[in-house]
Amino acid sequence: MIQAPYLLFLGDAPDNLAAKMAQGIIDWRPEAAAGQYRMEGCKANLGIKDMTIQEAVAAGVKTLVVGVVNRGGIISQGWKTVLIEALEAGLDVACGLHNQLRDEPDLVEAAEKAGRSLFDVRVPPVQYPVANGKKRTGKRCLAVGTDCSVGKMYTALAMHREMEKRGMKATFRATGQCGILIEGNGVPLDAVVADFMAGAVEYLTPNNDADHWDLIEGQGSLFHASYSGVTMALVHGGQPDALILCHEPTRPHMRGLPDYTLPSLEDLRDVALRLAQVVNPACKVAGISVNTQHMSEADALAYLADLEARMGIPAVDPFRQGAGRLVEALACI
């Protein structure tokens, strides 16, 4: 088990979006985070206490969590001095990058000498089956986005929290490293061999009570040239009854792809729904979740009102305004 409290390692993150794994822990499991560690040049800031390794140990921290995500998921050589210092000081190290801690000999050696543990969150815990496409009992909601990092996980978590408050049967189904650290379990989907990705999602969302909702954490985007494959596996393996469209309206281009603009929400609706109806003809688009963090309150409300009038379904920022209307929209499914 990965032990809390955590020291959230932000490394040399160029912005807060690059530290989205750590930010997710702060937003959804703040009691687990004792502080942050930032290297020289780091431009991310979670607004919590900066700590050295020794200060973290003195404060009772148990695990240094690599909370920064870079393109390709590589453990930077520049980070290793800090990771080794943490191990030698008595901390475990957890990481959700594609580049696994256990594949770095110097980190393995330091952990063995110190008697500490390395946790690779992105290692699939079981051998998943090939998807069979058979209809399962219970209901499932999947967040799909116009781009990466637009709020799909936050949408599912916000809806799950709201459903729990209302006494509804619901489970958040984590499919990425941050979601797994928040929830405590899940499937590291982008680390699963391609032929088994959809089967892994079926495994994650098994038969359930007729009135139970699985809130499936979305990944990537059907329109993203780099990461569309993992999204496709979620759409077909998740066999959703409802889709929530997720969007961040201030971006000039797809994240990491400066030559690609974001699709319209209408395009996302039409493409995602058509693909979802391959495995569940009854699937519907229930609502729209908009990440308005870079908009003023007045601009955000005006944008949401216009969007709702244009598309005819609820449009909200669930982190800013609550997920109540998105949850209520599921009642019509």
Protein backbone atom coordinates (compact mmCIF):
# COMPACT_ATOMS: atom_id res chain seq x y z
CA MET A 1 0.00 0.00 0.00
CA ILE A 2 1.14 3.53 -0.79
CA GLN A 3 1.29 5.28 2.56
CA ALA A 4 0.20 8.85 3.22
CA PRO A 5 0.96 11.59 4.02
CA TYR A 6 2.61 12.51 0.74
CA LEU A 7 5.26 14.99 -0.31
CA LEU A 8 4.19 16.06 -3.81
CA PHE A 9 7.21 16.33 -6.09
CA LEU A 10 6.72 18.97 -8.78
CA GLY A 11 10.24 18.81 -10.17
CA ASP A 12 10.85 21.42 -12.86
CA ALA A 13 7.23 21.56 -14.09
CA PRO A 14 6.77 24.44 -16.58
CA ASP A 15 3.21 25.20 -15.45
CA ASN A 16 0.43 23.94 -13.17
CA LEU A 17 -1.10 21.83 -15.93
CA ALA A 18 2.12 19.81 -16.08
CA ALA A 19 1.62 19.16 -12.35
CA LYS A 20 -1.94 17.94 -12.87
CA MET A 21 -1.36 14.68 -11.00
CA ALA A 22 -0.33 16.56 -7.86
CA GLN A 23 -3.11 19.11 -8.38
CA GLY A 24 -5.66 16.32 -8.56
CA ILE A 25 -4.52 14.96 -5.21
CA ILE A 26 -4.76 18.45 -3.67
CA ASP A 27 -8.25 19.01 -5.06
CA TRP A 28 -9.72 15.61 -4.19
CA ARG A 29 -7.58 14.18 -1.37
CA PRO A 30 -6.00 17.23 0.30
CA GLU A 31 -5.64 15.51 3.66
CA ALA A 32 -3.04 13.19 2.10
CA ALA A 33 -0.63 15.98 1.06
CA ALA A 34 1.74 17.46 3.65
CA GLY A 35 3.69 19.66 1.27
CA GLN A 36 5.29 20.18 -2.12
CA TYR A 37 8.87 19.92 -3.36
CA ARG A 38 9.87 22.27 -6.19
CA MET A 39 13.21 22.25 -7.97
CA GLU A 40 14.92 25.38 -9.27
CA GLY A 41 13.03 26.73 -12.28
CA CYS A 42 9.73 25.06 -11.35
CA LYS A 43 6.82 27.27 -12.41
CA ALA A 44 4.06 25.16 -10.84
CA ASN A 45 2.71 25.99 -7.39
CA LEU A 46 -0.05 24.13 -5.56
CA GLY A 47 -0.34 26.79 -2.88
CA ILE A 48 0.76 24.43 -0.11
CA LYS A 49 3.88 24.41 2.04
CA ASP A 50 7.23 23.99 0.32
CA MET A 51 9.34 21.35 2.08
CA THR A 52 12.82 19.94 1.86
CA ILE A 53 13.20 16.19 2.14
CA GLN A 54 14.36 16.49 5.74
CA GLU A 55 11.46 18.76 6.65
CA ALA A 56 9.08 16.23 5.11
CA VAL A 57 10.56 13.38 7.13
CA ALA A 58 10.30 15.46 10.31
CA ALA A 59 6.64 16.18 9.49
CA GLY A 60 5.84 12.46 9.24
CA VAL A 61 5.67 12.16 5.45
CA LYS A 62 5.79 8.55 4.28
CA THR A 63 5.89 8.77 0.47
CA LEU A 64 7.27 11.14 -2.13
CA VAL A 65 4.79 11.14 -5.00
CA VAL A 66 6.01 12.24 -8.42
CA GLY A 67 3.18 14.63 -9.19
CA VAL A 68 4.40 16.04 -12.49
CA VAL A 69 3.53 14.62 -15.91
CA ASN A 70 5.71 15.36 -18.91
CA ARG A 71 5.28 14.43 -22.58
CA GLY A 72 6.25 10.80 -22.99
CA GLY A 73 6.16 10.14 -19.24
CA ILE A 74 9.93 10.13 -18.68
CA ILE A 75 11.74 10.22 -15.34
CA SER A 76 14.11 13.15 -15.87
CA GLN A 77 17.75 12.59 -14.98
CA GLY A 78 17.59 15.94 -13.22
CA TRP A 79 15.01 14.57 -10.78
CA LYS A 80 17.04 11.60 -9.64
CA THR A 81 19.15 13.40 -7.05
CA VAL A 82 15.95 14.33 -5.20
CA LEU A 83 14.36 10.89 -5.56
CA ILE A 84 17.49 9.18 -4.25
CA GLU A 85 17.73 11.67 -1.39
CA ALA A 86 14.13 10.86 -0.47
CA LEU A 87 14.80 7.12 -0.46
CA GLU A 88 17.97 7.52 1.63
CA ALA A 89 16.03 9.68 4.10
CA GLY A 90 13.48 6.91 4.63
CA LEU A 91 10.67 7.80 2.23
CA ASP A 92 9.02 5.50 -0.29
CA VAL A 93 8.65 6.85 -3.83
CA ALA A 94 5.51 6.51 -5.99
CA CYS A 95 5.31 7.40 -9.66
CA GLY A 96 2.69 7.14 -12.38
CA LEU A 97 4.82 7.87 -15.44
CA HIS A 98 5.31 5.43 -18.31
CA ASN A 99 9.01 5.30 -17.40
CA GLN A 100 8.89 3.00 -14.40
CA LEU A 101 10.91 3.45 -11.23
CA ARG A 102 11.78 -0.24 -11.18
CA ASP A 103 13.50 0.12 -14.57
CA GLU A 104 15.99 2.70 -13.23
CA PRO A 105 18.94 0.77 -11.70
CA ASP A 106 20.19 3.66 -9.57
CA LEU A 107 16.74 4.13 -8.01
CA VAL A 108 16.35 0.39 -7.41
CA GLU A 109 19.78 0.27 -5.77
CA ALA A 110 18.99 3.25 -3.53
CA ALA A 111 15.66 1.73 -2.49
CA GLU A 112 17.22 -1.61 -1.67
CA LYS A 113 20.00 -0.04 0.39
CA ALA A 114 17.51 2.08 2.34
CA GLY A 115 14.92 -0.68 2.69
CA ARG A 116 12.28 1.47 1.00
CA SER A 117 9.65 0.70 -1.63
CA LEU A 118 9.17 1.94 -5.20
CA PHE A 119 5.54 2.10 -6.36
CA ASP A 120 4.85 2.17 -10.10
CA VAL A 121 1.20 3.19 -10.29
CA ARG A 122 1.06 2.58 -14.04
CA VAL A 123 1.83 -1.15 -13.81
CA PRO A 124 -1.33 -3.13 -14.69
CA PRO A 125 -2.16 -5.27 -11.64
CA VAL A 126 -3.82 -8.16 -13.54
CA GLN A 127 -3.88 -9.78 -16.98
CA TYR A 128 -6.95 -8.29 -18.62
CA PRO A 129 -9.14 -10.16 -21.11
CA VAL A 130 -9.95 -9.20 -24.68
CA ALA A 131 -13.26 -7.28 -24.74
CA ASN A 132 -16.34 -9.30 -25.65
CA GLY A 133 -18.86 -6.46 -26.03
CA LYS A 134 -21.56 -8.26 -24.04
CA LYS A 135 -24.15 -6.03 -22.40
CA ARG A 136 -23.65 -5.62 -18.64
CA THR A 137 -26.17 -4.71 -15.98
CA GLY A 138 -26.01 -1.37 -14.23
CA LYS A 139 -25.38 2.02 -15.81
CA ARG A 140 -22.22 3.78 -16.95
CA CYS A 141 -21.31 7.38 -17.66
CA LEU A 142 -18.16 8.32 -19.57
CA ALA A 143 -16.56 11.75 -19.83
CA VAL A 144 -15.16 12.45 -23.32
CA GLY A 145 -13.20 15.56 -24.27
CA THR A 146 -12.31 17.88 -27.11
CA ASP A 147 -8.69 17.60 -25.94
CA CYS A 148 -6.44 16.12 -23.26
CA SER A 149 -6.45 17.64 -19.77
CA VAL A 150 -9.75 19.48 -20.11
CA GLY A 151 -11.38 18.18 -16.91
CA LYS A 152 -12.66 14.67 -17.64
CA MET A 153 -11.41 13.24 -14.34
CA TYR A 154 -12.67 16.26 -12.37
CA THR A 155 -16.08 15.90 -14.03
CA ALA A 156 -16.40 12.25 -13.06
CA LEU A 157 -15.19 12.92 -9.51
CA ALA A 158 -17.53 15.88 -9.07
CA MET A 159 -20.49 13.85 -10.32
CA HIS A 160 -19.54 10.96 -8.05
CA ARG A 161 -19.34 13.24 -5.02
CA GLU A 162 -22.73 14.77 -5.83
CA MET A 163 -24.34 11.37 -6.31
CA GLU A 164 -23.00 10.19 -2.97
CA LYS A 165 -24.47 13.29 -1.30
CA ARG A 166 -27.84 12.41 -2.82
CA GLY A 167 -27.66 8.81 -1.60
CA MET A 168 -27.36 7.41 -5.12
CA LYS A 169 -25.46 4.24 -5.94
CA ALA A 170 -22.31 5.30 -7.74
CA THR A 171 -18.62 4.41 -8.10
CA PHE A 172 -15.79 6.45 -9.55
CA ARG A 173 -13.78 4.22 -11.89
CA ALA A 174 -10.18 5.45 -12.19
CA THR A 175 -8.36 4.83 -15.46
CA GLY A 176 -5.20 6.93 -14.96
CA GLN A 177 -2.44 7.32 -12.42
CA CYS A 178 -3.88 10.37 -10.66
CA GLY A 179 -7.34 8.85 -10.39
CA ILE A 180 -5.82 5.66 -8.98
CA LEU A 181 -3.96 7.59 -6.28
CA ILE A 182 -7.14 9.47 -5.40
CA GLU A 183 -9.49 6.47 -5.42
CA GLY A 184 -7.04 3.82 -4.23
CA ASN A 185 -7.66 1.45 -7.14
CA GLY A 186 -8.35 1.38 -10.87
CA VAL A 187 -6.83 0.48 -14.23
CA PRO A 188 -3.73 2.30 -15.62
CA LEU A 189 -5.30 2.11 -19.06
CA ASP A 190 -2.59 3.67 -21.20
CA ALA A 191 -0.13 1.07 -19.88
CA VAL A 192 -2.29 -1.86 -20.97
CA VAL A 193 -1.36 -3.67 -24.19
CA ALA A 194 -3.59 -2.28 -26.97
CA ASP A 195 -5.53 -5.48 -27.67
CA PHE A 196 -6.60 -5.67 -24.02
CA MET A 197 -7.50 -2.01 -23.32
CA ALA A 198 -11.22 -2.33 -24.02
CA GLY A 199 -11.28 -5.59 -22.04
CA ALA A 200 -9.63 -3.80 -19.12
CA VAL A 201 -12.47 -1.26 -19.11
CA GLU A 202 -15.04 -4.08 -19.16
CA TYR A 203 -13.19 -5.64 -16.21
CA LEU A 204 -13.24 -2.30 -14.36
CA THR A 205 -16.99 -1.79 -14.87
CA PRO A 206 -18.62 -5.18 -14.22
CA ASN A 207 -22.28 -6.13 -13.79
CA ASN A 208 -23.99 -4.10 -11.10
CA ASP A 209 -27.39 -3.13 -9.69
CA ALA A 210 -29.79 -1.67 -12.23
CA ASP A 211 -29.74 1.73 -10.48
CA HIS A 212 -25.97 1.86 -9.95
CA TRP A 213 -23.83 4.29 -11.96
CA ASP A 214 -20.17 3.83 -12.78
CA LEU A 215 -18.55 7.24 -13.41
CA ILE A 216 -15.70 6.36 -15.76
CA GLU A 217 -12.66 8.63 -15.84
CA GLY A 218 -12.03 9.72 -19.42
CA GLN A 219 -8.61 9.82 -21.10
CA GLY A 220 -7.21 11.59 -24.15
CA SER A 221 -9.55 12.63 -26.96
CA LEU A 222 -10.94 10.98 -30.05
CA PHE A 223 -9.62 14.03 -31.92
CA HIS A 224 -6.09 14.00 -30.48
CA ALA A 225 -3.57 12.54 -32.92
CA SER A 226 -1.38 11.24 -30.08
CA TYR A 227 -3.88 9.74 -27.63
CA SER A 228 -7.08 8.81 -29.46
CA GLY A 229 -6.50 5.07 -29.03
CA VAL A 230 -7.01 5.04 -25.27
CA THR A 231 -10.22 7.07 -25.70
CA MET A 232 -11.56 4.59 -28.21
CA ALA A 233 -10.97 1.75 -25.75
CA LEU A 234 -12.94 3.64 -23.08
CA VAL A 235 -15.85 4.26 -25.45
CA HIS A 236 -16.19 0.63 -26.53
CA GLY A 237 -15.07 -1.08 -23.32
CA GLY A 238 -17.10 1.26 -21.14
CA GLN A 239 -20.28 0.67 -23.13
CA PRO A 240 -21.64 3.94 -21.71
CA ASP A 241 -25.30 4.75 -21.25
CA ALA A 242 -24.44 8.44 -21.00
CA LEU A 243 -21.69 10.70 -22.30
CA ILE A 244 -20.60 13.99 -20.77
CA LEU A 245 -18.81 16.27 -23.22
CA CYS A 246 -15.80 18.08 -21.70
CA HIS A 247 -14.19 21.23 -23.07
CA GLU A 248 -11.76 24.03 -22.24
CA PRO A 249 -12.72 27.00 -24.43
CA THR A 250 -9.64 29.22 -24.13
CA ARG A 251 -7.07 26.96 -25.79
CA PRO A 252 -5.55 28.07 -29.10
CA HIS A 253 -4.65 24.49 -30.11
CA MET A 254 -4.65 20.86 -28.96
CA ARG A 255 -2.29 20.24 -26.03
CA GLY A 256 1.11 19.30 -27.43
CA LEU A 257 -0.09 19.67 -31.04
CA PRO A 258 0.27 23.32 -32.13
CA ASP A 259 -0.86 22.52 -35.68
CA TYR A 260 -4.24 21.13 -34.56
CA THR A 261 -7.19 23.20 -33.35
CA LEU A 262 -9.81 21.78 -31.00
CA PRO A 263 -12.96 20.31 -32.56
CA SER A 264 -16.32 21.88 -31.86
CA LEU A 265 -18.52 20.39 -29.18
CA GLU A 266 -20.99 19.50 -31.93
CA ASP A 267 -18.28 17.47 -33.69
CA LEU A 268 -17.38 15.76 -30.43
CA ARG A 269 -21.04 14.98 -29.72
CA ASP A 270 -21.64 13.48 -33.15
CA VAL A 271 -18.46 11.40 -33.36
CA ALA A 272 -18.41 10.13 -29.76
CA LEU A 273 -22.11 9.28 -29.76
CA ARG A 274 -21.89 7.38 -33.04
CA LEU A 275 -18.98 5.30 -31.75
CA ALA A 276 -20.63 4.69 -28.36
CA GLN A 277 -23.82 3.51 -30.03
CA VAL A 278 -21.84 0.72 -31.73
CA VAL A 279 -21.78 -1.08 -28.36
CA ASN A 280 -24.80 0.56 -26.73
CA PRO A 281 -27.46 1.82 -29.18
CA ALA A 282 -29.32 3.48 -26.27
CA CYS A 283 -26.39 5.76 -25.34
CA LYS A 284 -27.20 9.47 -25.08
CA VAL A 285 -25.26 12.70 -24.53
CA ALA A 286 -26.44 13.92 -21.12
CA GLY A 287 -24.61 17.21 -20.64
CA ILE A 288 -21.55 19.39 -21.13
CA SER A 289 -18.79 20.06 -18.61
CA VAL A 290 -16.76 23.20 -19.32
CA ASN A 291 -13.46 24.05 -17.63
CA THR A 292 -13.84 27.82 -17.15
CA GLN A 293 -10.85 28.39 -14.84
CA HIS A 294 -9.32 30.93 -17.22
CA MET A 295 -12.57 32.92 -17.60
CA SER A 296 -14.15 35.55 -15.36
CA GLU A 297 -17.36 34.60 -13.57
CA ALA A 298 -19.44 36.80 -15.89
CA ASP A 299 -17.77 35.49 -19.05
CA ALA A 300 -18.10 31.91 -17.85
CA LEU A 301 -21.82 32.22 -17.12
CA ALA A 302 -22.48 33.91 -20.46
CA TYR A 303 -20.52 31.24 -22.32
CA LEU A 304 -22.37 28.42 -20.55
CA ALA A 305 -25.77 30.00 -21.19
CA ASP A 306 -25.02 30.41 -24.89
CA LEU A 307 -23.71 26.86 -25.13
CA GLU A 308 -26.76 25.42 -23.41
CA ALA A 309 -29.13 27.33 -25.68
CA ARG A 310 -27.20 26.20 -28.74
CA MET A 311 -26.96 22.50 -27.88
CA GLY A 312 -30.08 21.94 -25.79
CA ILE A 313 -28.44 20.10 -22.89
CA PRO A 314 -27.13 21.27 -19.48
CA ALA A 315 -23.78 23.07 -19.65
CA VAL A 316 -21.93 23.71 -16.37
CA ASP A 317 -18.51 23.97 -14.81
CA PRO A 318 -18.91 21.24 -12.17
CA PHE A 319 -15.84 22.27 -10.20
CA ARG A 320 -16.95 25.90 -10.05
CA GLN A 321 -20.74 25.51 -9.85
CA GLY A 322 -21.30 21.94 -8.73
CA ALA A 323 -22.32 18.86 -10.69
CA GLY A 324 -25.97 18.79 -9.65
CA ARG A 325 -27.45 19.51 -13.08
CA LEU A 326 -25.26 16.89 -14.74
CA VAL A 327 -26.37 14.30 -12.19
CA GLU A 328 -30.00 15.27 -12.68
CA ALA A 329 -29.54 14.83 -16.44
CA LEU A 330 -28.70 11.16 -15.86
CA ALA A 331 -32.21 10.62 -14.54
CA CYS A 332 -33.46 11.06 -18.10
CA ILE A 333 -31.21 8.27 -19.39
